[in-house]
């Protein structure tokens, strides 16, 4: 079976998803989580500056990020699956604060994260929310 190629940015998003999930569950300090990732995870094929940017900036902008997509949800934000929530936060952050990343790339990358780590049909939900957000910027 052929090995799937993932870009350094894709890997950065995946590691960010894992790190922010850990942060949400454990409430550990972001710096501590970052240190653990560099000690325990293979970061060789990761866009490290992008990983650090996402990991540190998303928690700082959490209220702004959440408020950008909460109006498109069909349920209360507290009812979202934690993986979906973190993916929506990453995608929303990129749509709002990373103008160099095309919105189609942001949505596609978020959908792929949801397919890989989320519940069975979470990718459709993530796609729907981020598409609405991108079209209402």
N, C-alpha and C. Protein backbone atom coordinates (compact mmCIF):
# COMPACT_ATOMS: atom_id res chain seq x y z
N UNK A 1 0.84 -1.18 0.00
CA UNK A 1 0.00 0.00 0.00
C UNK A 1 0.89 1.24 0.00
N UNK A 2 0.58 2.19 -0.84
CA UNK A 2 1.39 3.41 -0.94
C UNK A 2 1.22 4.27 0.30
N UNK A 3 2.29 4.86 0.73
CA UNK A 3 2.26 5.74 1.89
C UNK A 3 1.74 7.11 1.45
N UNK A 4 0.78 7.63 2.18
CA UNK A 4 0.18 8.91 1.83
C UNK A 4 1.13 10.04 2.22
N UNK A 5 1.30 10.99 1.32
CA UNK A 5 2.15 12.14 1.57
C UNK A 5 1.36 13.22 2.29
N UNK A 6 1.92 13.70 3.37
CA UNK A 6 1.32 14.82 4.09
C UNK A 6 2.31 15.97 4.09
N UNK A 7 1.83 17.17 3.79
CA UNK A 7 2.72 18.32 3.79
C UNK A 7 3.09 18.70 5.23
N UNK A 8 4.12 19.49 5.35
CA UNK A 8 4.56 19.96 6.67
C UNK A 8 3.46 20.76 7.36
N UNK A 9 2.69 21.51 6.60
CA UNK A 9 1.57 22.28 7.18
C UNK A 9 0.45 21.34 7.63
N UNK A 10 0.16 20.33 6.83
CA UNK A 10 -0.84 19.34 7.22
C UNK A 10 -0.43 18.67 8.53
N UNK A 11 0.85 18.30 8.61
CA UNK A 11 1.36 17.69 9.84
C UNK A 11 1.30 18.66 11.01
N UNK A 12 1.53 19.94 10.75
CA UNK A 12 1.44 20.94 11.82
C UNK A 12 0.00 21.03 12.34
N UNK A 13 -0.96 21.00 11.43
CA UNK A 13 -2.37 21.03 11.85
C UNK A 13 -2.73 19.80 12.67
N UNK A 14 -2.25 18.64 12.23
CA UNK A 14 -2.53 17.40 12.97
C UNK A 14 -1.95 17.47 14.37
N UNK A 15 -0.71 17.88 14.48
CA UNK A 15 -0.07 17.99 15.80
C UNK A 15 -0.78 19.04 16.66
N UNK A 16 -1.22 20.13 16.03
CA UNK A 16 -1.95 21.16 16.76
C UNK A 16 -3.26 20.59 17.29
N UNK A 17 -3.96 19.83 16.46
CA UNK A 17 -5.20 19.19 16.90
C UNK A 17 -4.93 18.32 18.13
N UNK A 18 -3.90 17.52 18.07
CA UNK A 18 -3.59 16.64 19.18
C UNK A 18 -3.20 17.44 20.44
N UNK A 19 -2.41 18.48 20.25
CA UNK A 19 -1.95 19.28 21.39
C UNK A 19 -3.10 20.07 22.02
N UNK A 20 -3.95 20.68 21.18
CA UNK A 20 -5.07 21.44 21.73
C UNK A 20 -6.12 20.53 22.36
N UNK A 21 -6.28 19.34 21.84
CA UNK A 21 -7.16 18.35 22.46
C UNK A 21 -6.63 18.03 23.86
N UNK A 22 -5.34 17.78 23.95
CA UNK A 22 -4.70 17.50 25.24
C UNK A 22 -4.91 18.68 26.19
N UNK A 23 -4.73 19.89 25.68
CA UNK A 23 -4.91 21.10 26.49
C UNK A 23 -6.34 21.19 27.02
N UNK A 24 -7.32 20.91 26.17
CA UNK A 24 -8.73 20.98 26.60
C UNK A 24 -9.03 19.92 27.67
N UNK A 25 -8.47 18.75 27.52
CA UNK A 25 -8.74 17.66 28.46
C UNK A 25 -8.00 17.86 29.79
N UNK A 26 -6.72 18.20 29.70
CA UNK A 26 -5.88 18.22 30.92
C UNK A 26 -5.76 19.59 31.57
N UNK A 27 -6.06 20.65 30.81
CA UNK A 27 -5.89 22.03 31.29
C UNK A 27 -4.43 22.36 31.62
N UNK A 28 -3.50 21.58 31.03
CA UNK A 28 -2.07 21.83 31.23
C UNK A 28 -1.65 23.12 30.54
N UNK A 29 -0.54 23.66 30.97
CA UNK A 29 0.04 24.84 30.35
C UNK A 29 0.45 24.51 28.92
N UNK A 30 0.15 25.43 28.00
CA UNK A 30 0.48 25.24 26.58
C UNK A 30 1.97 24.99 26.38
N UNK A 31 2.80 25.74 27.10
CA UNK A 31 4.25 25.59 26.96
C UNK A 31 4.70 24.18 27.35
N UNK A 32 4.08 23.64 28.40
CA UNK A 32 4.40 22.28 28.83
C UNK A 32 3.99 21.26 27.76
N UNK A 33 2.81 21.45 27.20
CA UNK A 33 2.34 20.55 26.13
C UNK A 33 3.27 20.63 24.93
N UNK A 34 3.66 21.85 24.56
CA UNK A 34 4.60 22.01 23.45
C UNK A 34 5.90 21.25 23.72
N UNK A 35 6.44 21.40 24.90
CA UNK A 35 7.68 20.71 25.26
C UNK A 35 7.52 19.20 25.17
N UNK A 36 6.38 18.69 25.63
CA UNK A 36 6.12 17.25 25.56
C UNK A 36 6.10 16.78 24.11
N UNK A 37 5.50 17.57 23.23
CA UNK A 37 5.44 17.18 21.83
C UNK A 37 6.83 17.11 21.21
N UNK A 38 7.69 18.05 21.57
CA UNK A 38 9.04 18.02 21.00
C UNK A 38 9.88 16.89 21.58
N UNK A 39 9.53 16.42 22.78
CA UNK A 39 10.25 15.31 23.39
C UNK A 39 9.72 13.96 22.92
N UNK A 40 8.39 13.87 22.72
CA UNK A 40 7.77 12.57 22.53
C UNK A 40 7.26 12.28 21.12
N UNK A 41 7.07 13.30 20.32
CA UNK A 41 6.51 13.11 18.98
C UNK A 41 7.57 13.35 17.91
N UNK A 42 7.36 12.73 16.75
CA UNK A 42 8.24 12.97 15.61
C UNK A 42 7.81 14.27 14.95
N UNK A 43 8.62 15.30 15.12
CA UNK A 43 8.29 16.61 14.57
C UNK A 43 9.13 16.94 13.34
N UNK A 44 9.84 15.94 12.81
CA UNK A 44 10.76 16.17 11.69
C UNK A 44 10.05 16.67 10.43
N UNK A 45 8.83 16.21 10.19
CA UNK A 45 8.13 16.59 8.96
C UNK A 45 6.99 17.57 9.24
N UNK A 46 7.16 18.34 10.32
CA UNK A 46 6.15 19.32 10.74
C UNK A 46 6.67 20.73 10.48
N UNK A 47 5.80 21.59 9.98
CA UNK A 47 6.12 23.02 9.87
C UNK A 47 6.07 23.56 11.30
N UNK A 48 7.21 23.52 11.97
CA UNK A 48 7.28 23.84 13.39
C UNK A 48 6.84 25.28 13.70
N UNK A 49 7.28 26.28 12.94
CA UNK A 49 6.79 27.64 13.24
C UNK A 49 5.27 27.75 13.13
N UNK A 50 4.68 27.05 12.17
CA UNK A 50 3.22 27.09 12.01
C UNK A 50 2.53 26.37 13.17
N UNK A 51 3.07 25.23 13.57
CA UNK A 51 2.56 24.50 14.73
C UNK A 51 2.57 25.39 15.97
N UNK A 52 3.71 26.05 16.20
CA UNK A 52 3.81 26.93 17.38
C UNK A 52 2.83 28.09 17.30
N UNK A 53 2.68 28.65 16.12
CA UNK A 53 1.75 29.77 15.93
C UNK A 53 0.34 29.33 16.29
N UNK A 54 -0.12 28.23 15.70
CA UNK A 54 -1.47 27.73 15.97
C UNK A 54 -1.64 27.36 17.44
N UNK A 55 -0.68 26.65 17.98
CA UNK A 55 -0.77 26.18 19.36
C UNK A 55 -0.87 27.32 20.36
N UNK A 56 -0.14 28.39 20.13
CA UNK A 56 -0.13 29.50 21.09
C UNK A 56 -1.20 30.55 20.81
N UNK A 57 -1.50 30.78 19.55
CA UNK A 57 -2.44 31.85 19.21
C UNK A 57 -3.91 31.43 19.36
N UNK A 58 -4.24 30.20 19.08
CA UNK A 58 -5.64 29.78 19.19
C UNK A 58 -6.16 29.94 20.62
N UNK A 59 -5.45 29.47 21.64
CA UNK A 59 -5.96 29.71 23.00
C UNK A 59 -6.08 31.20 23.36
N UNK A 60 -5.18 32.02 22.85
CA UNK A 60 -5.24 33.47 23.12
C UNK A 60 -6.48 34.10 22.49
N UNK A 61 -6.90 33.60 21.35
CA UNK A 61 -8.01 34.18 20.59
C UNK A 61 -9.30 33.35 20.71
N UNK A 62 -9.38 32.50 21.71
CA UNK A 62 -10.49 31.55 21.82
C UNK A 62 -11.87 32.20 21.75
N UNK A 63 -12.08 33.28 22.49
CA UNK A 63 -13.40 33.93 22.48
C UNK A 63 -13.75 34.46 21.09
N UNK A 64 -12.79 35.11 20.43
CA UNK A 64 -13.03 35.63 19.08
C UNK A 64 -13.26 34.50 18.08
N UNK A 65 -12.50 33.44 18.22
CA UNK A 65 -12.63 32.30 17.31
C UNK A 65 -14.00 31.65 17.48
N UNK A 66 -14.35 31.34 18.73
CA UNK A 66 -15.63 30.68 18.98
C UNK A 66 -16.80 31.55 18.53
N UNK A 67 -16.71 32.85 18.78
CA UNK A 67 -17.83 33.73 18.39
C UNK A 67 -17.97 33.83 16.87
N UNK A 68 -16.89 33.54 16.13
CA UNK A 68 -16.96 33.62 14.68
C UNK A 68 -17.80 32.51 14.06
N UNK A 69 -17.87 31.34 14.72
CA UNK A 69 -18.62 30.23 14.14
C UNK A 69 -19.84 29.78 14.95
N UNK A 70 -19.97 30.24 16.17
CA UNK A 70 -21.05 29.74 17.04
C UNK A 70 -22.44 30.00 16.44
N UNK A 71 -22.60 31.07 15.69
CA UNK A 71 -23.89 31.38 15.07
C UNK A 71 -24.30 30.40 13.98
N UNK A 72 -23.37 29.60 13.50
CA UNK A 72 -23.66 28.63 12.44
C UNK A 72 -23.92 27.22 12.99
N UNK A 73 -23.76 27.06 14.30
CA UNK A 73 -23.97 25.74 14.91
C UNK A 73 -25.45 25.42 15.04
N UNK A 74 -25.78 24.14 15.00
CA UNK A 74 -27.16 23.71 15.20
C UNK A 74 -27.41 23.25 16.63
N UNK A 75 -26.43 23.45 17.48
CA UNK A 75 -26.52 23.09 18.90
C UNK A 75 -25.59 23.99 19.69
N UNK A 76 -25.69 23.93 20.99
CA UNK A 76 -24.82 24.73 21.84
C UNK A 76 -23.38 24.25 21.69
N UNK A 77 -22.46 25.17 21.75
CA UNK A 77 -21.04 24.83 21.57
C UNK A 77 -20.59 23.77 22.58
N UNK A 78 -21.18 23.77 23.76
CA UNK A 78 -20.81 22.78 24.79
C UNK A 78 -21.23 21.36 24.41
N UNK A 79 -22.12 21.24 23.43
CA UNK A 79 -22.61 19.94 22.98
C UNK A 79 -21.77 19.34 21.85
N UNK A 80 -20.81 20.11 21.35
CA UNK A 80 -19.96 19.61 20.27
C UNK A 80 -19.00 18.56 20.79
N UNK A 81 -18.71 17.58 19.95
CA UNK A 81 -17.65 16.64 20.23
C UNK A 81 -16.34 17.43 20.33
N UNK A 82 -15.50 17.09 21.28
CA UNK A 82 -14.29 17.87 21.51
C UNK A 82 -13.36 17.90 20.29
N UNK A 83 -13.27 16.80 19.57
CA UNK A 83 -12.43 16.78 18.35
C UNK A 83 -13.00 17.77 17.33
N UNK A 84 -14.31 17.72 17.11
CA UNK A 84 -14.95 18.66 16.17
C UNK A 84 -14.70 20.10 16.60
N UNK A 85 -14.84 20.36 17.89
CA UNK A 85 -14.64 21.71 18.40
C UNK A 85 -13.22 22.21 18.12
N UNK A 86 -12.23 21.37 18.40
CA UNK A 86 -10.84 21.77 18.16
C UNK A 86 -10.59 21.98 16.67
N UNK A 87 -11.13 21.12 15.83
CA UNK A 87 -10.97 21.28 14.37
C UNK A 87 -11.62 22.58 13.91
N UNK A 88 -12.82 22.88 14.41
CA UNK A 88 -13.48 24.13 14.06
C UNK A 88 -12.67 25.33 14.52
N UNK A 89 -12.05 25.22 15.66
CA UNK A 89 -11.21 26.32 16.16
C UNK A 89 -9.98 26.53 15.28
N UNK A 90 -9.35 25.45 14.88
CA UNK A 90 -8.18 25.57 14.01
C UNK A 90 -8.59 26.19 12.67
N UNK A 91 -9.63 25.63 12.05
CA UNK A 91 -10.11 26.14 10.76
C UNK A 91 -10.56 27.59 10.86
N UNK A 92 -11.30 27.92 11.89
CA UNK A 92 -11.78 29.30 12.07
C UNK A 92 -10.63 30.26 12.29
N UNK A 93 -9.64 29.82 13.05
CA UNK A 93 -8.45 30.67 13.27
C UNK A 93 -7.76 30.94 11.93
N UNK A 94 -7.57 29.90 11.14
CA UNK A 94 -6.90 30.09 9.86
C UNK A 94 -7.70 30.99 8.92
N UNK A 95 -9.02 30.81 8.90
CA UNK A 95 -9.84 31.67 8.04
C UNK A 95 -9.74 33.14 8.46
N UNK A 96 -9.67 33.38 9.76
CA UNK A 96 -9.69 34.74 10.28
C UNK A 96 -8.31 35.40 10.32
N UNK A 97 -7.29 34.64 10.67
CA UNK A 97 -5.98 35.22 10.96
C UNK A 97 -4.86 34.81 9.99
N UNK A 98 -5.14 33.96 9.03
CA UNK A 98 -4.11 33.49 8.10
C UNK A 98 -4.55 33.76 6.66
N UNK A 99 -4.55 35.02 6.25
CA UNK A 99 -5.03 35.35 4.91
C UNK A 99 -4.18 34.74 3.79
N UNK A 100 -2.97 34.30 4.11
CA UNK A 100 -2.11 33.67 3.10
C UNK A 100 -2.56 32.25 2.77
N UNK A 101 -3.44 31.68 3.59
CA UNK A 101 -3.93 30.32 3.34
C UNK A 101 -5.30 30.42 2.67
N UNK A 102 -5.44 29.93 1.44
CA UNK A 102 -6.73 30.00 0.75
C UNK A 102 -7.83 29.29 1.54
N UNK A 103 -9.03 29.87 1.53
CA UNK A 103 -10.12 29.30 2.32
C UNK A 103 -10.43 27.87 1.93
N UNK A 104 -10.27 27.53 0.65
CA UNK A 104 -10.54 26.15 0.21
C UNK A 104 -9.54 25.18 0.84
N UNK A 105 -8.31 25.62 1.02
CA UNK A 105 -7.29 24.79 1.67
C UNK A 105 -7.66 24.59 3.13
N UNK A 106 -8.06 25.67 3.80
CA UNK A 106 -8.45 25.59 5.21
C UNK A 106 -9.59 24.58 5.38
N UNK A 107 -10.61 24.72 4.56
CA UNK A 107 -11.77 23.83 4.67
C UNK A 107 -11.36 22.39 4.37
N UNK A 108 -10.62 22.17 3.29
CA UNK A 108 -10.19 20.82 2.94
C UNK A 108 -9.35 20.18 4.04
N UNK A 109 -8.41 20.94 4.58
CA UNK A 109 -7.55 20.40 5.64
C UNK A 109 -8.37 20.06 6.89
N UNK A 110 -9.34 20.91 7.21
CA UNK A 110 -10.19 20.67 8.38
C UNK A 110 -11.05 19.43 8.17
N UNK A 111 -11.59 19.28 6.97
CA UNK A 111 -12.40 18.10 6.64
C UNK A 111 -11.55 16.83 6.75
N UNK A 112 -10.33 16.89 6.25
CA UNK A 112 -9.44 15.72 6.34
C UNK A 112 -9.11 15.37 7.78
N UNK A 113 -8.91 16.38 8.63
CA UNK A 113 -8.69 16.11 10.06
C UNK A 113 -9.91 15.44 10.67
N UNK A 114 -11.09 15.92 10.31
CA UNK A 114 -12.33 15.34 10.84
C UNK A 114 -12.51 13.89 10.36
N UNK A 115 -12.17 13.63 9.11
CA UNK A 115 -12.25 12.26 8.60
C UNK A 115 -11.31 11.34 9.34
N UNK A 116 -10.14 11.86 9.64
CA UNK A 116 -9.10 11.04 10.26
C UNK A 116 -9.31 10.84 11.76
N UNK A 117 -9.77 11.90 12.44
CA UNK A 117 -9.83 11.85 13.91
C UNK A 117 -11.23 11.96 14.49
N UNK A 118 -12.19 12.43 13.71
CA UNK A 118 -13.52 12.69 14.24
C UNK A 118 -14.45 11.50 14.14
N UNK A 119 -15.68 11.74 14.57
CA UNK A 119 -16.73 10.74 14.48
C UNK A 119 -17.06 10.49 13.00
N UNK A 120 -17.87 9.48 12.75
CA UNK A 120 -18.11 9.00 11.40
C UNK A 120 -18.50 10.08 10.39
N UNK A 121 -19.43 10.95 10.72
CA UNK A 121 -19.87 11.96 9.76
C UNK A 121 -19.49 13.38 10.17
N UNK A 122 -18.54 13.50 11.08
CA UNK A 122 -18.17 14.83 11.57
C UNK A 122 -17.56 15.70 10.47
N UNK A 123 -16.95 15.07 9.46
CA UNK A 123 -16.35 15.86 8.39
C UNK A 123 -17.40 16.68 7.64
N UNK A 124 -18.60 16.14 7.51
CA UNK A 124 -19.68 16.87 6.83
C UNK A 124 -20.11 18.08 7.65
N UNK A 125 -20.16 17.91 8.95
CA UNK A 125 -20.54 18.99 9.86
C UNK A 125 -19.48 20.10 9.84
N UNK A 126 -18.22 19.70 9.96
CA UNK A 126 -17.10 20.65 9.92
C UNK A 126 -17.11 21.41 8.60
N UNK A 127 -17.30 20.69 7.51
CA UNK A 127 -17.34 21.32 6.19
C UNK A 127 -18.45 22.37 6.13
N UNK A 128 -19.62 22.03 6.61
CA UNK A 128 -20.78 22.92 6.58
C UNK A 128 -20.51 24.21 7.36
N UNK A 129 -20.00 24.07 8.56
CA UNK A 129 -19.77 25.24 9.44
C UNK A 129 -18.69 26.13 8.85
N UNK A 130 -17.57 25.55 8.44
CA UNK A 130 -16.47 26.37 7.91
C UNK A 130 -16.83 27.00 6.57
N UNK A 131 -17.61 26.30 5.76
CA UNK A 131 -18.06 26.87 4.49
C UNK A 131 -18.92 28.10 4.75
N UNK A 132 -19.83 28.01 5.69
CA UNK A 132 -20.67 29.17 6.04
C UNK A 132 -19.82 30.32 6.57
N UNK A 133 -18.85 29.99 7.41
CA UNK A 133 -17.97 31.01 7.96
C UNK A 133 -17.15 31.69 6.85
N UNK A 134 -16.62 30.90 5.95
CA UNK A 134 -15.80 31.45 4.85
C UNK A 134 -16.64 32.35 3.95
N UNK A 135 -17.88 31.98 3.73
CA UNK A 135 -18.76 32.78 2.86
C UNK A 135 -19.35 33.99 3.54
N UNK A 136 -19.16 34.12 4.83
CA UNK A 136 -19.70 35.27 5.57
C UNK A 136 -18.60 36.15 6.15
N UNK A 137 -17.38 36.00 5.65
CA UNK A 137 -16.26 36.83 6.16
C UNK A 137 -16.42 38.26 5.72
